[in-house]
C-alpha atoms as a PDB file:
ATOM      1  CA  MET A   1     -50.710 -45.757-219.584  1.00  0.00           C
ATOM      2  CA  SER A   2     -49.296 -46.771-216.086  1.00  0.00           C
ATOM      3  CA  VAL A   3     -47.089 -45.394-213.376  1.00  0.00           C
ATOM      4  CA  LEU A   4     -43.736 -47.348-212.875  1.00  0.00           C
ATOM      5  CA  ILE A   5     -41.875 -46.978-209.551  1.00  0.00           C
ATOM      6  CA  TYR A   6     -38.081 -48.521-209.276  1.00  0.00           C
ATOM      7  CA  ALA A   7     -37.766 -49.940-206.059  1.00  0.00           C
ATOM      8  CA  GLU A   8     -34.137 -49.637-205.024  1.00  0.00           C
ATOM      9  CA  ASN A   9     -33.011 -52.316-202.574  1.00  0.00           C
ATOM     10  CA  ALA A  10     -30.025 -52.522-199.952  1.00  0.00           C
ATOM     11  CA  GLU A  11     -28.764 -56.169-199.608  1.00  0.00           C
ATOM     12  CA  GLY A  12     -32.300 -57.499-200.641  1.00  0.00           C
ATOM     13  CA  LYS A  13     -34.419 -54.901-198.315  1.00  0.00           C
ATOM     14  CA  PHE A  14     -36.282 -52.209-199.247  1.00  0.00           C
ATOM     15  CA  LYS A  15     -35.877 -49.102-196.978  1.00  0.00           C
ATOM     16  CA  LYS A  16     -38.415 -46.839-195.847  1.00  0.00           C
ATOM     17  CA  SER A  17     -37.796 -44.230-198.680  1.00  0.00           C
ATOM     18  CA  ILE A  18     -39.035 -46.699-201.168  1.00  0.00           C
ATOM     19  CA  PHE A  19     -42.455 -47.407-199.219  1.00  0.00           C
ATOM     20  CA  GLU A  20     -42.525 -43.648-199.442  1.00  0.00           C
ATOM     21  CA  VAL A  21     -42.220 -43.749-203.150  1.00  0.00           C
ATOM     22  CA  VAL A  22     -44.632 -46.517-203.604  1.00  0.00           C
ATOM     23  CA  SER A  23     -47.112 -44.512-201.448  1.00  0.00           C
ATOM     24  CA  TYR A  24     -46.431 -41.357-203.550  1.00  0.00           C
ATOM     25  CA  ALA A  25     -46.803 -42.944-206.805  1.00  0.00           C
ATOM     26  CA  LYS A  26     -50.258 -44.653-205.932  1.00  0.00           C
ATOM     27  CA  ALA A  27     -51.452 -41.243-205.156  1.00  0.00           C
ATOM     28  CA  ILE A  28     -50.550 -40.089-208.667  1.00  0.00           C
ATOM     29  CA  ALA A  29     -51.974 -43.512-210.253  1.00  0.00           C
ATOM     30  CA  ASP A  30     -55.091 -42.616-208.566  1.00  0.00           C
ATOM     31  CA  GLN A  31     -55.077 -39.146-209.906  1.00  0.00           C
ATOM     32  CA  GLN A  32     -54.214 -40.559-213.375  1.00  0.00           C
ATOM     33  CA  GLN A  33     -56.919 -43.359-212.799  1.00  0.00           C
ATOM     34  CA  THR A  34     -54.558 -46.082-213.976  1.00  0.00           C
ATOM     35  CA  ASN A  35     -52.404 -48.978-212.223  1.00  0.00           C
ATOM     36  CA  LEU A  36     -49.425 -48.885-210.629  1.00  0.00           C
ATOM     37  CA  ILE A  37     -46.513 -51.117-211.153  1.00  0.00           C
ATOM     38  CA  ALA A  38     -43.051 -51.809-209.816  1.00  0.00           C
ATOM     39  CA  ILE A  39     -39.919 -52.728-210.737  1.00  0.00           C
ATOM     40  CA  SER A  40     -37.188 -54.646-208.462  1.00  0.00           C
ATOM     41  CA  ILE A  41     -33.586 -55.371-210.095  1.00  0.00           C
ATOM     42  CA  GLY A  42     -31.340 -57.896-208.014  1.00  0.00           C
ATOM     43  CA  ASN A  43     -31.874 -60.614-205.128  1.00  0.00           C
ATOM     44  CA  VAL A  44     -34.770 -59.500-203.547  1.00  0.00           C
ATOM     45  CA  ALA A  45     -37.343 -62.470-201.816  1.00  0.00           C
ATOM     46  CA  ALA A  46     -40.754 -63.012-203.114  1.00  0.00           C
ATOM     47  CA  ASP A  47     -42.384 -62.007-199.827  1.00  0.00           C
ATOM     48  CA  GLU A  48     -40.415 -58.708-200.003  1.00  0.00           C
ATOM     49  CA  LEU A  49     -41.542 -57.628-203.176  1.00  0.00           C
ATOM     50  CA  ALA A  50     -45.032 -59.105-202.723  1.00  0.00           C
ATOM     51  CA  ALA A  51     -45.522 -56.782-199.716  1.00  0.00           C
ATOM     52  CA  LEU A  52     -45.164 -53.776-201.873  1.00  0.00           C
ATOM     53  CA  GLY A  53     -48.598 -54.394-202.331  1.00  0.00           C
ATOM     54  CA  LYS A  54     -49.140 -53.296-198.651  1.00  0.00           C
ATOM     55  CA  TYR A  55     -48.314 -49.765-200.166  1.00  0.00           C
ATOM     56  CA  GLY A  56     -50.291 -49.657-203.553  1.00  0.00           C
ATOM     57  CA  ALA A  57     -48.234 -51.875-206.075  1.00  0.00           C
ATOM     58  CA  GLU A  58     -50.367 -54.126-207.832  1.00  0.00           C
ATOM     59  CA  LYS A  59     -47.598 -55.867-209.754  1.00  0.00           C
ATOM     60  CA  VAL A  60     -43.915 -56.241-209.411  1.00  0.00           C
ATOM     61  CA  LEU A  61     -41.290 -56.793-212.070  1.00  0.00           C
ATOM     62  CA  ASN A  62     -38.351 -58.871-210.643  1.00  0.00           C
ATOM     63  CA  VAL A  63     -35.256 -58.770-212.678  1.00  0.00           C
ATOM     64  CA  SER A  64     -32.870 -61.428-211.251  1.00  0.00           C
ATOM     65  CA  ASN A  65     -29.772 -61.237-213.888  1.00  0.00           C
ATOM     66  CA  ASP A  66     -26.257 -62.421-212.723  1.00  0.00           C
ATOM     67  CA  LYS A  67     -24.966 -59.173-214.542  1.00  0.00           C
ATOM     68  CA  LEU A  68     -27.160 -56.912-212.776  1.00  0.00           C
ATOM     69  CA  LYS A  69     -26.434 -58.209-209.087  1.00  0.00           C
ATOM     70  CA  SER A  70     -24.373 -55.346-208.431  1.00  0.00           C
ATOM     71  CA  PHE A  71     -25.437 -51.495-209.550  1.00  0.00           C
ATOM     72  CA  VAL A  72     -24.358 -50.473-212.833  1.00  0.00           C
ATOM     73  CA  ASN A  73     -25.808 -47.168-213.545  1.00  0.00           C
ATOM     74  CA  GLN A  74     -26.035 -47.348-217.251  1.00  0.00           C
ATOM     75  CA  ALA A  75     -27.427 -50.689-217.241  1.00  0.00           C
ATOM     76  CA  TYR A  76     -29.949 -50.487-214.547  1.00  0.00           C
ATOM     77  CA  ALA A  77     -31.459 -47.153-216.479  1.00  0.00           C
ATOM     78  CA  SER A  78     -31.459 -49.404-219.764  1.00  0.00           C
ATOM     79  CA  VAL A  79     -33.721 -51.999-217.588  1.00  0.00           C
ATOM     80  CA  ILE A  80     -36.126 -49.554-216.043  1.00  0.00           C
ATOM     81  CA  ALA A  81     -36.520 -47.625-219.281  1.00  0.00           C
ATOM     82  CA  GLU A  82     -37.335 -51.071-220.989  1.00  0.00           C
ATOM     83  CA  ALA A  83     -39.754 -51.921-218.646  1.00  0.00           C
ATOM     84  CA  ALA A  84     -41.468 -48.591-218.635  1.00  0.00           C
ATOM     85  CA  LYS A  85     -41.977 -49.156-222.534  1.00  0.00           C
ATOM     86  CA  ALA A  86     -43.148 -52.794-222.007  1.00  0.00           C
ATOM     87  CA  ASN A  87     -45.952 -51.569-219.632  1.00  0.00           C
ATOM     88  CA  ASN A  88     -46.803 -48.147-221.265  1.00  0.00           C
ATOM     89  CA  ALA A  89     -45.815 -46.331-218.333  1.00  0.00           C
ATOM     90  CA  ASP A  90     -46.069 -42.497-219.115  1.00  0.00           C
ATOM     91  CA  ILE A  91     -44.676 -41.677-215.472  1.00  0.00           C
ATOM     92  CA  VAL A  92     -41.745 -43.395-213.795  1.00  0.00           C
ATOM     93  CA  ILE A  93     -40.965 -42.745-210.134  1.00  0.00           C
ATOM     94  CA  LEU A  94     -37.722 -43.343-208.121  1.00  0.00           C
ATOM     95  CA  SER A  95     -36.477 -42.320-204.948  1.00  0.00           C
ATOM     96  CA  ASN A  96     -33.860 -39.326-205.196  1.00  0.00           C
ATOM     97  CA  SER A  97     -31.034 -41.136-203.409  1.00  0.00           C
ATOM     98  CA  PHE A  98     -27.530 -41.437-204.408  1.00  0.00           C
ATOM     99  CA  SER A  99     -28.420 -44.083-207.275  1.00  0.00           C
ATOM    100  CA  GLY A 100     -31.660 -42.478-208.128  1.00  0.00           C
ATOM    101  CA  ARG A 101     -29.727 -39.075-208.835  1.00  0.00           C
ATOM    102  CA  GLY A 102     -27.955 -41.055-211.144  1.00  0.00           C
ATOM    103  CA  LEU A 103     -30.663 -42.844-212.898  1.00  0.00           C
ATOM    104  CA  ALA A 104     -33.301 -40.255-213.178  1.00  0.00           C
ATOM    105  CA  PRO A 105     -31.837 -38.393-216.083  1.00  0.00           C
ATOM    106  CA  ARG A 106     -30.487 -41.525-217.929  1.00  0.00           C
ATOM    107  CA  ILE A 107     -33.842 -42.971-218.042  1.00  0.00           C
ATOM    108  CA  GLY A 108     -35.122 -39.503-219.220  1.00  0.00           C
ATOM    109  CA  VAL A 109     -32.841 -39.414-222.225  1.00  0.00           C
ATOM    110  CA  LYS A 110     -33.964 -43.046-222.731  1.00  0.00           C
ATOM    111  CA  LEU A 111     -37.561 -42.385-223.075  1.00  0.00           C
ATOM    112  CA  ASP A 112     -37.242 -38.686-224.181  1.00  0.00           C
ATOM    113  CA  ALA A 113     -38.989 -37.694-220.989  1.00  0.00           C
ATOM    114  CA  GLY A 114     -38.741 -34.584-218.720  1.00  0.00           C
ATOM    115  CA  VAL A 115     -37.478 -35.174-215.243  1.00  0.00           C
ATOM    116  CA  ALA A 116     -38.111 -33.708-211.979  1.00  0.00           C
ATOM    117  CA  ASP A 117     -35.585 -34.230-209.558  1.00  0.00           C
ATOM    118  CA  GLY A 118     -35.847 -33.516-205.768  1.00  0.00           C
ATOM    119  CA  ALA A 119     -39.694 -33.774-205.807  1.00  0.00           C
ATOM    120  CA  VAL A 120     -41.127 -32.589-202.269  1.00  0.00           C
ATOM    121  CA  ALA A 121     -44.996 -32.828-203.096  1.00  0.00           C
ATOM    122  CA  LEU A 122     -47.578 -34.252-205.463  1.00  0.00           C
ATOM    123  CA  PRO A 123     -47.761 -32.666-208.973  1.00  0.00           C
ATOM    124  CA  GLU A 124     -50.772 -30.483-209.781  1.00  0.00           C
ATOM    125  CA  GLN A 125     -52.972 -30.883-212.979  1.00  0.00           C
ATOM    126  CA  ASN A 126     -54.586 -28.089-214.058  1.00  0.00           C
ATOM    127  CA  GLY A 127     -55.713 -27.272-217.582  1.00  0.00           C
ATOM    128  CA  GLY A 128     -53.476 -29.916-219.009  1.00  0.00           C
ATOM    129  CA  LYS A 129     -50.169 -28.750-217.198  1.00  0.00           C
ATOM    130  CA  PHE A 130     -48.355 -30.887-215.349  1.00  0.00           C
ATOM    131  CA  THR A 131     -46.292 -29.063-212.479  1.00  0.00           C
ATOM    132  CA  LEU A 132     -44.439 -30.124-209.390  1.00  0.00           C
ATOM    133  CA  LYS A 133     -42.541 -28.499-206.670  1.00  0.00           C
ATOM    134  CA  LYS A 134     -39.200 -29.318-206.174  1.00  0.00           C
ATOM    135  CA  THR A 135     -35.493 -28.368-204.539  1.00  0.00           C
ATOM    136  CA  ALA A 136     -33.507 -26.199-206.023  1.00  0.00           C
ATOM    137  CA  PHE A 137     -29.909 -24.718-205.957  1.00  0.00           C
ATOM    138  CA  SER A 138     -28.701 -27.696-203.792  1.00  0.00           C
ATOM    139  CA  GLY A 139     -31.764 -27.616-201.585  1.00  0.00           C
ATOM    140  CA  LYS A 140     -31.573 -23.807-200.702  1.00  0.00           C
ATOM    141  CA  ALA A 141     -34.564 -22.964-202.550  1.00  0.00           C
ATOM    142  CA  PHE A 142     -37.700 -24.636-204.159  1.00  0.00           C
ATOM    143  CA  ALA A 143     -38.964 -24.324-207.568  1.00  0.00           C
ATOM    144  CA  ILE A 144     -41.877 -25.123-209.405  1.00  0.00           C
ATOM    145  CA  VAL A 145     -41.557 -26.868-212.831  1.00  0.00           C
ATOM    146  CA  GLU A 146     -43.764 -28.015-215.548  1.00  0.00           C
ATOM    147  CA  LEU A 147     -43.281 -30.998-217.235  1.00  0.00           C
ATOM    148  CA  THR A 148     -44.619 -31.092-220.714  1.00  0.00           C
ATOM    149  CA  SER A 149     -43.359 -34.299-222.274  1.00  0.00           C
ATOM    150  CA  ALA A 150     -45.565 -37.377-222.812  1.00  0.00           C
ATOM    151  CA  VAL A 151     -43.341 -39.313-220.616  1.00  0.00           C
ATOM    152  CA  LYS A 152     -42.346 -38.078-217.126  1.00  0.00           C
ATOM    153  CA  VAL A 153     -39.576 -38.861-214.360  1.00  0.00           C
ATOM    154  CA  ILE A 154     -39.785 -37.965-211.035  1.00  0.00           C
ATOM    155  CA  ALA A 155     -37.285 -38.531-208.249  1.00  0.00           C
ATOM    156  CA  LEU A 156     -38.769 -38.031-204.879  1.00  0.00           C
ATOM    157  CA  THR A 157     -36.806 -36.699-201.838  1.00  0.00           C
ATOM    158  CA  PRO A 158     -36.809 -38.849-199.060  1.00  0.00           C
ATOM    159  CA  ASN A 159     -38.703 -38.080-195.987  1.00  0.00           C
ATOM    160  CA  SER A 160     -40.964 -35.671-197.953  1.00  0.00           C
ATOM    161  CA  TYR A 161     -44.027 -37.773-198.448  1.00  0.00           C
ATOM    162  CA  LYS A 162     -45.563 -40.082-195.740  1.00  0.00           C
ATOM    163  CA  VAL A 163     -45.973 -43.744-195.858  1.00  0.00           C
ATOM    164  CA  VAL A 164     -49.560 -44.811-196.530  1.00  0.00           C
ATOM    165  CA  GLU A 165     -50.801 -48.392-196.289  1.00  0.00           C
ATOM    166  CA  THR A 166     -53.414 -49.354-198.486  1.00  0.00           C
ATOM    167  CA  GLY A 167     -53.312 -53.091-197.941  1.00  0.00           C
ATOM    168  CA  GLY A 168     -53.166 -56.050-200.271  1.00  0.00           C
ATOM    169  CA  THR A 169     -50.440 -57.918-201.856  1.00  0.00           C
ATOM    170  CA  ALA A 170     -48.819 -57.542-205.198  1.00  0.00           C
ATOM    171  CA  ALA A 171     -48.546 -60.106-207.946  1.00  0.00           C
ATOM    172  CA  VAL A 172     -44.514 -60.598-208.804  1.00  0.00           C
ATOM    173  CA  GLU A 173     -43.898 -61.565-212.374  1.00  0.00           C
ATOM    174  CA  ASP A 174     -40.317 -62.420-213.865  1.00  0.00           C
ATOM    175  CA  PHE A 175     -38.940 -59.456-216.215  1.00  0.00           C
ATOM    176  CA  THR A 176     -36.261 -60.446-218.552  1.00  0.00           C
ATOM    177  CA  VAL A 177     -34.359 -57.955-220.582  1.00  0.00           C
ATOM    178  CA  GLN A 178     -31.382 -58.473-222.694  1.00  0.00           C
ATOM    179  CA  ALA A 179     -28.704 -56.521-221.087  1.00  0.00           C
ATOM    180  CA  LYS A 180     -26.494 -54.616-223.639  1.00  0.00           C
ATOM    181  CA  GLU A 181     -22.645 -54.753-223.566  1.00  0.00           C
ATOM    182  CA  GLY A 182     -22.247 -51.086-224.306  1.00  0.00           C
ATOM    183  CA  ASP A 183     -23.759 -50.479-220.772  1.00  0.00           C
ATOM    184  CA  PHE A 184     -21.151 -52.040-218.917  1.00  0.00           C
ATOM    185  CA  LYS A 185     -18.278 -49.942-220.026  1.00  0.00           C
ATOM    186  CA  GLN A 186     -18.438 -48.207-216.707  1.00  0.00           C
ATOM    187  CA  MET A 187     -18.583 -50.473-213.388  1.00  0.00           C
ATOM    188  CA  LEU A 188     -19.074 -49.683-209.960  1.00  0.00           C
ATOM    189  CA  LYS A 189     -16.578 -52.143-208.228  1.00  0.00           C
ATOM    190  CA  ASP A 190     -17.844 -51.745-204.480  1.00  0.00           C
ATOM    191  CA  ILE A 191     -20.116 -50.078-202.280  1.00  0.00           C
ATOM    192  CA  VAL A 192     -19.061 -49.329-198.510  1.00  0.00           C
ATOM    193  CA  ARG A 193     -22.423 -48.954-196.730  1.00  0.00           C
ATOM    194  CA  SER A 194     -22.518 -46.939-193.430  1.00  0.00           C
ATOM    195  CA  THR A 195     -22.737 -49.337-190.419  1.00  0.00           C
ATOM    196  CA  ASP A 196     -25.022 -46.763-188.288  1.00  0.00           C
ATOM    197  CA  LYS A 197     -27.814 -48.163-186.624  1.00  0.00           C
ATOM    198  CA  VAL A 198     -29.851 -45.745-188.567  1.00  0.00           C
ATOM    199  CA  SER A 199     -29.169 -44.797-192.186  1.00  0.00           C
ATOM    200  CA  LEU A 200     -28.414 -41.110-192.328  1.00  0.00           C
ATOM    201  CA  PRO A 201     -30.326 -40.596-195.782  1.00  0.00           C
ATOM    202  CA  ASP A 202     -33.479 -42.347-194.605  1.00  0.00           C
ATOM    203  CA  ALA A 203     -33.083 -41.179-191.044  1.00  0.00           C
ATOM    204  CA  GLU A 204     -35.981 -39.001-189.538  1.00  0.00           C
ATOM    205  CA  ILE A 205     -33.791 -37.760-186.578  1.00  0.00           C
ATOM    206  CA  VAL A 206     -29.939 -36.341-187.404  1.00  0.00           C
ATOM    207  CA  VAL A 207     -27.557 -35.434-184.483  1.00  0.00           C
ATOM    208  CA  SER A 208     -24.476 -33.757-186.191  1.00  0.00           C
ATOM    209  CA  GLY A 209     -21.567 -32.490-184.712  1.00  0.00           C
ATOM    210  CA  GLY A 210     -18.751 -30.096-186.036  1.00  0.00           C
ATOM    211  CA  ARG A 211     -15.669 -28.457-184.956  1.00  0.00           C
ATOM    212  CA  GLY A 212     -17.085 -27.222-181.966  1.00  0.00           C
ATOM    213  CA  LEU A 213     -16.537 -30.660-180.452  1.00  0.00           C
ATOM    214  CA  LYS A 214     -12.696 -29.924-180.401  1.00  0.00           C
ATOM    215  CA  GLY A 215     -11.669 -33.871-181.080  1.00  0.00           C
ATOM    216  CA  PRO A 216     -12.964 -37.282-182.073  1.00  0.00           C
ATOM    217  CA  GLU A 217     -12.481 -38.144-178.388  1.00  0.00           C
ATOM    218  CA  ASN A 218     -15.663 -36.075-177.699  1.00  0.00           C
ATOM    219  CA  TRP A 219     -17.896 -37.819-179.971  1.00  0.00           C
ATOM    220  CA  GLY A 220     -19.479 -40.053-177.297  1.00  0.00           C
ATOM    221  CA  MET A 221     -21.988 -37.587-176.296  1.00  0.00           C
ATOM    222  CA  VAL A 222     -23.034 -37.065-179.936  1.00  0.00           C
ATOM    223  CA  GLU A 223     -23.580 -40.739-180.331  1.00  0.00           C
ATOM    224  CA  GLU A 224     -25.135 -41.221-176.901  1.00  0.00           C
ATOM    225  CA  LEU A 225     -27.910 -38.572-177.751  1.00  0.00           C
ATOM    226  CA  ALA A 226     -28.350 -39.954-180.858  1.00  0.00           C
ATOM    227  CA  ASP A 227     -29.183 -43.594-179.283  1.00  0.00           C
ATOM    228  CA  LEU A 228     -31.605 -42.216-177.073  1.00  0.00           C
ATOM    229  CA  LEU A 229     -33.280 -40.512-179.919  1.00  0.00           C
ATOM    230  CA  GLY A 230     -33.093 -43.376-182.473  1.00  0.00           C
ATOM    231  CA  ALA A 231     -31.255 -40.870-184.548  1.00  0.00           C
ATOM    232  CA  ALA A 232     -28.575 -41.300-187.082  1.00  0.00           C
ATOM    233  CA  THR A 233     -25.095 -39.287-186.487  1.00  0.00           C
ATOM    234  CA  ALA A 234     -23.613 -36.839-189.012  1.00  0.00           C
ATOM    235  CA  CYS A 235     -20.755 -34.319-189.240  1.00  0.00           C
ATOM    236  CA  SER A 236     -19.468 -31.057-190.991  1.00  0.00           C
ATOM    237  CA  LYS A 237     -16.928 -31.558-193.634  1.00  0.00           C
ATOM    238  CA  PRO A 238     -14.123 -30.160-191.419  1.00  0.00           C
ATOM    239  CA  VAL A 239     -14.601 -32.935-189.220  1.00  0.00           C
ATOM    240  CA  SER A 240     -14.587 -35.612-191.847  1.00  0.00           C
ATOM    241  CA  ASP A 241     -11.650 -34.022-193.612  1.00  0.00           C
ATOM    242  CA  ALA A 242      -9.799 -33.974-190.288  1.00  0.00           C
ATOM    243  CA  GLY A 243     -10.537 -37.929-190.075  1.00  0.00           C
ATOM    244  CA  TRP A 244     -12.630 -37.208-186.777  1.00  0.00           C
ATOM    245  CA  ARG A 245     -15.730 -39.087-188.323  1.00  0.00           C
ATOM    246  CA  PRO A 246     -15.931 -41.352-191.782  1.00  0.00           C
ATOM    247  CA  HIS A 247     -16.997 -39.353-194.936  1.00  0.00           C
ATOM    248  CA  SER A 248     -20.079 -41.229-194.954  1.00  0.00           C
ATOM    249  CA  GLU A 249     -21.078 -39.099-192.206  1.00  0.00           C
ATOM    250  CA  HIS A 250     -20.415 -35.877-193.838  1.00  0.00           C
ATOM    251  CA  VAL A 251     -23.547 -33.790-194.720  1.00  0.00           C
ATOM    252  CA  GLY A 252     -23.574 -31.021-196.945  1.00  0.00           C
ATOM    253  CA  GLN A 253     -23.394 -29.659-200.798  1.00  0.00           C
ATOM    254  CA  THR A 254     -20.206 -32.064-201.113  1.00  0.00           C
ATOM    255  CA  GLY A 255     -21.602 -34.966-198.634  1.00  0.00           C
ATOM    256  CA  ILE A 256     -24.904 -36.150-198.066  1.00  0.00           C
ATOM    257  CA  ALA A 257     -28.290 -34.104-198.429  1.00  0.00           C
ATOM    258  CA  VAL A 258     -30.566 -34.957-195.693  1.00  0.00           C
ATOM    259  CA  SER A 259     -34.327 -34.088-194.971  1.00  0.00           C
ATOM    260  CA  PRO A 260     -35.170 -35.597-191.671  1.00  0.00           C
ATOM    261  CA  ASN A 261     -38.096 -34.296-189.199  1.00  0.00           C
ATOM    262  CA  LEU A 262     -35.217 -33.123-187.130  1.00  0.00           C
ATOM    263  CA  TYR A 263     -31.908 -32.028-187.727  1.00  0.00           C
ATOM    264  CA  ILE A 264     -29.793 -31.306-184.292  1.00  0.00           C
ATOM    265  CA  ALA A 265     -26.418 -29.310-184.977  1.00  0.00           C
ATOM    266  CA  ILE A 266     -23.649 -29.463-182.340  1.00  0.00           C
ATOM    267  CA  GLY A 267     -20.828 -26.939-182.711  1.00  0.00           C
ATOM    268  CA  ILE A 268     -21.195 -26.031-186.225  1.00  0.00           C
ATOM    269  CA  SER A 269     -21.132 -22.710-187.512  1.00  0.00           C
ATOM    270  CA  GLY A 270     -23.305 -23.009-190.404  1.00  0.00           C
ATOM    271  CA  ALA A 271     -21.365 -22.500-193.489  1.00  0.00           C
ATOM    272  CA  ILE A 272     -23.544 -22.048-196.708  1.00  0.00           C
ATOM    273  CA  GLN A 273     -21.919 -25.664-198.127  1.00  0.00           C
ATOM    274  CA  HIS A 274     -23.179 -27.223-194.995  1.00  0.00           C
ATOM    275  CA  LEU A 275     -26.688 -25.498-195.104  1.00  0.00           C
ATOM    276  CA  ALA A 276     -27.201 -26.787-198.781  1.00  0.00           C
ATOM    277  CA  GLY A 277     -27.452 -30.407-197.530  1.00  0.00           C
ATOM    278  CA  ILE A 278     -29.590 -30.032-194.713  1.00  0.00           C
ATOM    279  CA  SER A 279     -31.979 -27.126-195.784  1.00  0.00           C
ATOM    280  CA  SER A 280     -34.847 -29.343-196.411  1.00  0.00           C
ATOM    281  CA  SER A 281     -35.084 -30.552-192.715  1.00  0.00           C
ATOM    282  CA  LYS A 282     -38.301 -29.831-191.118  1.00  0.00           C
ATOM    283  CA  VAL A 283     -37.265 -28.674-188.009  1.00  0.00           C
ATOM    284  CA  ILE A 284     -33.721 -27.523-187.096  1.00  0.00           C
ATOM    285  CA  VAL A 285     -32.097 -27.252-183.740  1.00  0.00           C
ATOM    286  CA  VAL A 286     -28.717 -25.206-183.182  1.00  0.00           C
ATOM    287  CA  ILE A 287     -26.239 -25.611-180.237  1.00  0.00           C
ATOM    288  CA  ASN A 288     -23.340 -23.461-180.527  1.00  0.00           C
ATOM    289  CA  LYS A 289     -21.682 -20.823-177.818  1.00  0.00           C
ATOM    290  CA  ASP A 290     -21.103 -18.222-180.789  1.00  0.00           C
ATOM    291  CA  ALA A 291     -24.391 -16.320-180.686  1.00  0.00           C
ATOM    292  CA  GLU A 292     -23.463 -14.853-184.131  1.00  0.00           C
ATOM    293  CA  ALA A 293     -22.792 -18.024-185.739  1.00  0.00           C
ATOM    294  CA  PRO A 294     -24.677 -18.100-189.067  1.00  0.00           C
ATOM    295  CA  PHE A 295     -26.600 -21.479-188.110  1.00  0.00           C
ATOM    296  CA  PHE A 296     -28.851 -19.185-185.832  1.00  0.00           C
ATOM    297  CA  LYS A 297     -30.315 -17.402-188.662  1.00  0.00           C
ATOM    298  CA  VAL A 298     -31.924 -20.729-190.443  1.00  0.00           C
ATOM    299  CA  ALA A 299     -32.641 -22.566-187.103  1.00  0.00           C
ATOM    300  CA  ASP A 300     -36.347 -23.144-185.850  1.00  0.00           C
ATOM    301  CA  TYR A 301     -35.067 -23.503-182.271  1.00  0.00           C
ATOM    302  CA  GLY A 302     -31.511 -22.224-180.889  1.00  0.00           C
ATOM    303  CA  ILE A 303     -29.454 -22.815-177.733  1.00  0.00           C
ATOM    304  CA  VAL A 304     -26.407 -20.347-177.159  1.00  0.00           C
ATOM    305  CA  GLY A 305     -24.132 -22.187-174.752  1.00  0.00           C
ATOM    306  CA  ASP A 306     -21.341 -24.778-174.554  1.00  0.00           C
ATOM    307  CA  ALA A 307     -21.886 -28.104-176.117  1.00  0.00           C
ATOM    308  CA  PHE A 308     -20.239 -29.792-173.297  1.00  0.00           C
ATOM    309  CA  ASP A 309     -22.438 -28.126-170.761  1.00  0.00           C
ATOM    310  CA  VAL A 310     -25.641 -28.346-172.730  1.00  0.00           C
ATOM    311  CA  VAL A 311     -25.654 -31.758-174.365  1.00  0.00           C
ATOM    312  CA  PRO A 312     -24.875 -33.604-170.991  1.00  0.00           C
ATOM    313  CA  LYS A 313     -28.173 -31.925-169.753  1.00  0.00           C
ATOM    314  CA  LEU A 314     -30.335 -32.874-173.024  1.00  0.00           C
ATOM    315  CA  ILE A 315     -28.960 -36.629-172.328  1.00  0.00           C
ATOM    316  CA  GLU A 316     -29.793 -36.369-168.647  1.00  0.00           C
ATOM    317  CA  ALA A 317     -33.460 -34.930-169.720  1.00  0.00           C
ATOM    318  CA  PHE A 318     -34.182 -37.128-172.305  1.00  0.00           C
ATOM    319  CA  LYS A 319     -33.224 -40.549-170.004  1.00  0.00           C
ATOM    320  CA  ALA A 320     -35.554 -38.957-167.177  1.00  0.00           C
ATOM    321  CA  TYR A 321     -38.264 -38.662-169.880  1.00  0.00           C
ATOM    322  CA  LYS A 322     -38.103 -42.125-171.069  1.00  0.00           C
ATOM    323  CA  ALA A 323     -37.754 -43.400-167.529  1.00  0.00           C
ATOM    324  CA  SER A 324     -40.791 -41.918-166.903  1.00  0.00           C
ATOM    325  CA  ALA A 325     -42.626 -42.562-169.983  1.00  0.00           C
END
């Protein structure tokens, strides 16, 4: 038996969330006293693949197929499932990213496996039971689930497990699998990636704005605060619907779900749909002039005040702190 992880890449590079997945999988492999194997699909440099060994992967299966250069959900799921069978993997782990959320159930079907998406902690194994803590109800709650199948698929929530370097280099092997024509009935024609300095799903700090900012011309202070904190910028659904900000920044139930260490909400009332996308944040700070805004009920820290007074003062304070550091 072994543990297999899917190392998703973005334009040939691995993001922090993948190093979290490898670190998480290594801890599970140690629990199981077995080996950890990674599979990568697409054009990734050999040294980048071998570097996964630094986080615990012993071997990396490299799949370079012209038909798989672009992400194809069903085809990628078939390749990962075949790799799991070929390596006798009884646990398959991937990131609960946009791609991962589509892959996990498909891999589960192909392997007749139980699936736990949105995992936030290591599994507990007591008396033969395999239980996991995961997000539920669009991130508004947690559930403890038991996987009773022989093969298990786990999708790890980004920013929910620390990156652990164990040292070492992984052996890289080519892995060839015949792509099935039926897997290409649905094709993803184009992927438009956000040009933010910090990727929103992987960001450890997110600065988000809502209608309280009154218009797109006032977004400069949000971006300035984000730059000072090394954060990604985000927005509420009404803001993206109005065209103030791109939809790639929309955070919420119908947008991107985030789980940063710090989420700063500026001028956002806190509708339930927005809270569903940010509830996994470790610390939530709310800035709103309406003391009755629903967001304050879930905030760890709240500032009742006009954003146009509060945010510039925060920017001045952070600049002063960085200058004295």
